[in-house]
Amino acid sequence: RFSNGVIFDWEFEKNGRVVKISPPAKLIATHLGLALRAVHDGVGYWATFEGYVRYGVKSGALVSVLDDWCPPFDGPFLYYPSRRQPRPALAAFVSFVADWRKQARRKTRKSS
């Protein structure tokens, strides 16, 4: 949920059709560790990024559902003013994310 308390809808897309649902919440967790523990304990479904549950799915502890309704996520995206010299910490982060995305693309191509 957002910091103002608003709970976002789950959005799914397949063949150009977009479906939004507002599932009733049994548990609202803003801490990733709590959400991951809850889904492993069978509390309910978790709409999240594949990277957070990769090992659980690989091991068979978790099962991915609605895969054909979930297009790949190309993010993350980062926007900042281009006319300013970024501070060293931001420049390092941008470099890290760019390298991470390149490695992810290479892994995707190798597994295809």
C-alpha atoms as a PDB file:
ATOM      1  CA  ARG A   1       0.000   0.000   0.000  1.00  0.00           C
ATOM      2  CA  PHE A   2       0.981   3.602  -0.384  1.00  0.00           C
ATOM      3  CA  SER A   3       2.153   5.765   2.507  1.00  0.00           C
ATOM      4  CA  ASN A   4      -1.238   7.547   2.568  1.00  0.00           C
ATOM      5  CA  GLY A   5      -2.998   4.225   3.267  1.00  0.00           C
ATOM      6  CA  VAL A   6      -4.415   3.673  -0.222  1.00  0.00           C
ATOM      7  CA  ILE A   7      -4.161   0.040  -1.305  1.00  0.00           C
ATOM      8  CA  PHE A   8      -3.349  -0.324  -4.975  1.00  0.00           C
ATOM      9  CA  ASP A   9      -5.318  -2.605  -7.292  1.00  0.00           C
ATOM     10  CA  TRP A  10      -3.731  -5.684  -8.789  1.00  0.00           C
ATOM     11  CA  GLU A  11      -3.424  -5.216 -12.543  1.00  0.00           C
ATOM     12  CA  PHE A  12      -3.139  -8.064 -15.033  1.00  0.00           C
ATOM     13  CA  GLU A  13      -2.760  -7.948 -18.812  1.00  0.00           C
ATOM     14  CA  LYS A  14      -3.229 -10.574 -21.505  1.00  0.00           C
ATOM     15  CA  ASN A  15      -3.534 -10.119 -25.267  1.00  0.00           C
ATOM     16  CA  GLY A  16      -4.120  -6.385 -24.843  1.00  0.00           C
ATOM     17  CA  ARG A  17      -6.876  -6.872 -22.253  1.00  0.00           C
ATOM     18  CA  VAL A  18      -6.255  -5.246 -18.858  1.00  0.00           C
ATOM     19  CA  VAL A  19      -8.031  -6.457 -15.738  1.00  0.00           C
ATOM     20  CA  LYS A  20      -7.824  -4.691 -12.366  1.00  0.00           C
ATOM     21  CA  ILE A  21      -8.980  -6.316  -9.164  1.00  0.00           C
ATOM     22  CA  SER A  22      -9.115  -5.196  -5.549  1.00  0.00           C
ATOM     23  CA  PRO A  23      -8.752  -8.396  -3.550  1.00  0.00           C
ATOM     24  CA  PRO A  24      -9.845  -8.313   0.091  1.00  0.00           C
ATOM     25  CA  ALA A  25      -6.760  -8.081   2.286  1.00  0.00           C
ATOM     26  CA  LYS A  26      -6.182 -10.673   5.002  1.00  0.00           C
ATOM     27  CA  LEU A  27      -2.791  -9.176   5.761  1.00  0.00           C
ATOM     28  CA  ILE A  28      -1.151  -5.953   4.644  1.00  0.00           C
ATOM     29  CA  ALA A  29       2.616  -6.055   4.983  1.00  0.00           C
ATOM     30  CA  THR A  30       5.031  -3.285   4.145  1.00  0.00           C
ATOM     31  CA  HIS A  31       8.035  -5.379   5.196  1.00  0.00           C
ATOM     32  CA  LEU A  32       9.243  -7.770   2.485  1.00  0.00           C
ATOM     33  CA  GLY A  33      10.380 -10.393   4.993  1.00  0.00           C
ATOM     34  CA  LEU A  34       6.938 -10.527   6.600  1.00  0.00           C
ATOM     35  CA  ALA A  35       5.192 -10.764   3.220  1.00  0.00           C
ATOM     36  CA  LEU A  36       7.512 -13.558   2.102  1.00  0.00           C
ATOM     37  CA  ARG A  37       6.997 -15.489   5.361  1.00  0.00           C
ATOM     38  CA  ALA A  38       3.230 -15.066   5.061  1.00  0.00           C
ATOM     39  CA  VAL A  39       3.093 -16.417   1.511  1.00  0.00           C
ATOM     40  CA  HIS A  40       5.296 -19.379   2.513  1.00  0.00           C
ATOM     41  CA  ASP A  41       2.935 -20.025   5.441  1.00  0.00           C
ATOM     42  CA  GLY A  42      -0.074 -20.085   3.096  1.00  0.00           C
ATOM     43  CA  VAL A  43      -1.764 -16.885   4.291  1.00  0.00           C
ATOM     44  CA  GLY A  44      -2.736 -15.956   0.727  1.00  0.00           C
ATOM     45  CA  TYR A  45      -1.523 -14.736  -2.640  1.00  0.00           C
ATOM     46  CA  TRP A  46       1.240 -12.170  -3.045  1.00  0.00           C
ATOM     47  CA  ALA A  47       1.426  -9.948  -6.112  1.00  0.00           C
ATOM     48  CA  THR A  48       5.132  -9.147  -6.200  1.00  0.00           C
ATOM     49  CA  PHE A  49       8.239  -9.043  -8.345  1.00  0.00           C
ATOM     50  CA  GLU A  50       9.585 -12.383  -9.536  1.00  0.00           C
ATOM     51  CA  GLY A  51      12.955 -11.745  -7.929  1.00  0.00           C
ATOM     52  CA  TYR A  52      11.484 -11.794  -4.417  1.00  0.00           C
ATOM     53  CA  VAL A  53      10.088 -15.307  -4.822  1.00  0.00           C
ATOM     54  CA  ARG A  54      12.526 -16.818  -7.334  1.00  0.00           C
ATOM     55  CA  TYR A  55      14.088 -19.277  -4.879  1.00  0.00           C
ATOM     56  CA  GLY A  56      10.759 -20.328  -3.412  1.00  0.00           C
ATOM     57  CA  VAL A  57       9.392 -21.088  -6.880  1.00  0.00           C
ATOM     58  CA  LYS A  58      12.610 -22.870  -7.933  1.00  0.00           C
ATOM     59  CA  SER A  59      12.533 -25.073  -4.832  1.00  0.00           C
ATOM     60  CA  GLY A  60       8.845 -25.886  -5.286  1.00  0.00           C
ATOM     61  CA  ALA A  61       7.840 -24.229  -2.004  1.00  0.00           C
ATOM     62  CA  LEU A  62       5.828 -21.642  -3.956  1.00  0.00           C
ATOM     63  CA  VAL A  63       3.856 -21.865  -7.182  1.00  0.00           C
ATOM     64  CA  SER A  64       3.496 -19.041  -9.664  1.00  0.00           C
ATOM     65  CA  VAL A  65      -0.071 -18.465 -10.850  1.00  0.00           C
ATOM     66  CA  LEU A  66      -1.540 -16.374 -13.658  1.00  0.00           C
ATOM     67  CA  ASP A  67       1.802 -16.298 -15.501  1.00  0.00           C
ATOM     68  CA  ASP A  68       0.088 -15.716 -18.839  1.00  0.00           C
ATOM     69  CA  TRP A  69      -1.588 -12.611 -17.323  1.00  0.00           C
ATOM     70  CA  CYS A  70       1.680 -11.106 -16.061  1.00  0.00           C
ATOM     71  CA  PRO A  71       3.868  -9.530 -18.738  1.00  0.00           C
ATOM     72  CA  PRO A  72       7.571  -9.209 -17.904  1.00  0.00           C
ATOM     73  CA  PHE A  73       8.580  -6.128 -15.940  1.00  0.00           C
ATOM     74  CA  ASP A  74      11.254  -4.115 -17.753  1.00  0.00           C
ATOM     75  CA  GLY A  75      12.042  -1.828 -14.799  1.00  0.00           C
ATOM     76  CA  PRO A  76      13.306  -0.402 -12.656  1.00  0.00           C
ATOM     77  CA  PHE A  77      13.295   3.050 -14.161  1.00  0.00           C
ATOM     78  CA  LEU A  78      15.093   6.025 -12.691  1.00  0.00           C
ATOM     79  CA  TYR A  79      14.574   9.625 -13.715  1.00  0.00           C
ATOM     80  CA  TYR A  80      16.708  12.575 -12.656  1.00  0.00           C
ATOM     81  CA  PRO A  81      17.531  16.031 -14.073  1.00  0.00           C
ATOM     82  CA  SER A  82      19.906  15.566 -16.997  1.00  0.00           C
ATOM     83  CA  ARG A  83      21.300  19.102 -16.857  1.00  0.00           C
ATOM     84  CA  ARG A  84      22.846  18.694 -13.438  1.00  0.00           C
ATOM     85  CA  GLN A  85      25.956  16.806 -12.454  1.00  0.00           C
ATOM     86  CA  PRO A  86      24.623  13.949 -10.283  1.00  0.00           C
ATOM     87  CA  ARG A  87      26.064  13.538  -6.808  1.00  0.00           C
ATOM     88  CA  PRO A  88      28.571  10.669  -6.520  1.00  0.00           C
ATOM     89  CA  ALA A  89      26.118   8.414  -4.646  1.00  0.00           C
ATOM     90  CA  LEU A  90      23.454   8.836  -7.362  1.00  0.00           C
ATOM     91  CA  ALA A  91      26.017   8.329 -10.131  1.00  0.00           C
ATOM     92  CA  ALA A  92      27.189   5.098  -8.455  1.00  0.00           C
ATOM     93  CA  PHE A  93      23.597   3.879  -8.106  1.00  0.00           C
ATOM     94  CA  VAL A  94      22.779   4.665 -11.749  1.00  0.00           C
ATOM     95  CA  SER A  95      25.899   2.781 -12.831  1.00  0.00           C
ATOM     96  CA  PHE A  96      24.955  -0.185 -10.623  1.00  0.00           C
ATOM     97  CA  VAL A  97      21.401  -0.386 -12.015  1.00  0.00           C
ATOM     98  CA  ALA A  98      22.657  -0.076 -15.607  1.00  0.00           C
ATOM     99  CA  ASP A  99      25.118  -2.939 -15.068  1.00  0.00           C
ATOM    100  CA  TRP A 100      22.450  -5.023 -13.326  1.00  0.00           C
ATOM    101  CA  ARG A 101      20.048  -4.578 -16.248  1.00  0.00           C
ATOM    102  CA  LYS A 102      22.748  -5.573 -18.760  1.00  0.00           C
ATOM    103  CA  GLN A 103      23.503  -8.741 -16.794  1.00  0.00           C
ATOM    104  CA  ALA A 104      19.794  -9.564 -16.521  1.00  0.00           C
ATOM    105  CA  ARG A 105      19.392  -9.201 -20.289  1.00  0.00           C
ATOM    106  CA  ARG A 106      22.368 -11.501 -20.924  1.00  0.00           C
ATOM    107  CA  LYS A 107      20.914 -14.150 -18.577  1.00  0.00           C
ATOM    108  CA  THR A 108      17.548 -13.900 -20.334  1.00  0.00           C
ATOM    109  CA  ARG A 109      19.138 -14.370 -23.755  1.00  0.00           C
ATOM    110  CA  LYS A 110      21.186 -17.372 -22.577  1.00  0.00           C
ATOM    111  CA  SER A 111      18.151 -19.128 -21.108  1.00  0.00           C
ATOM    112  CA  SER A 112      16.035 -18.562 -24.236  1.00  0.00           C
END
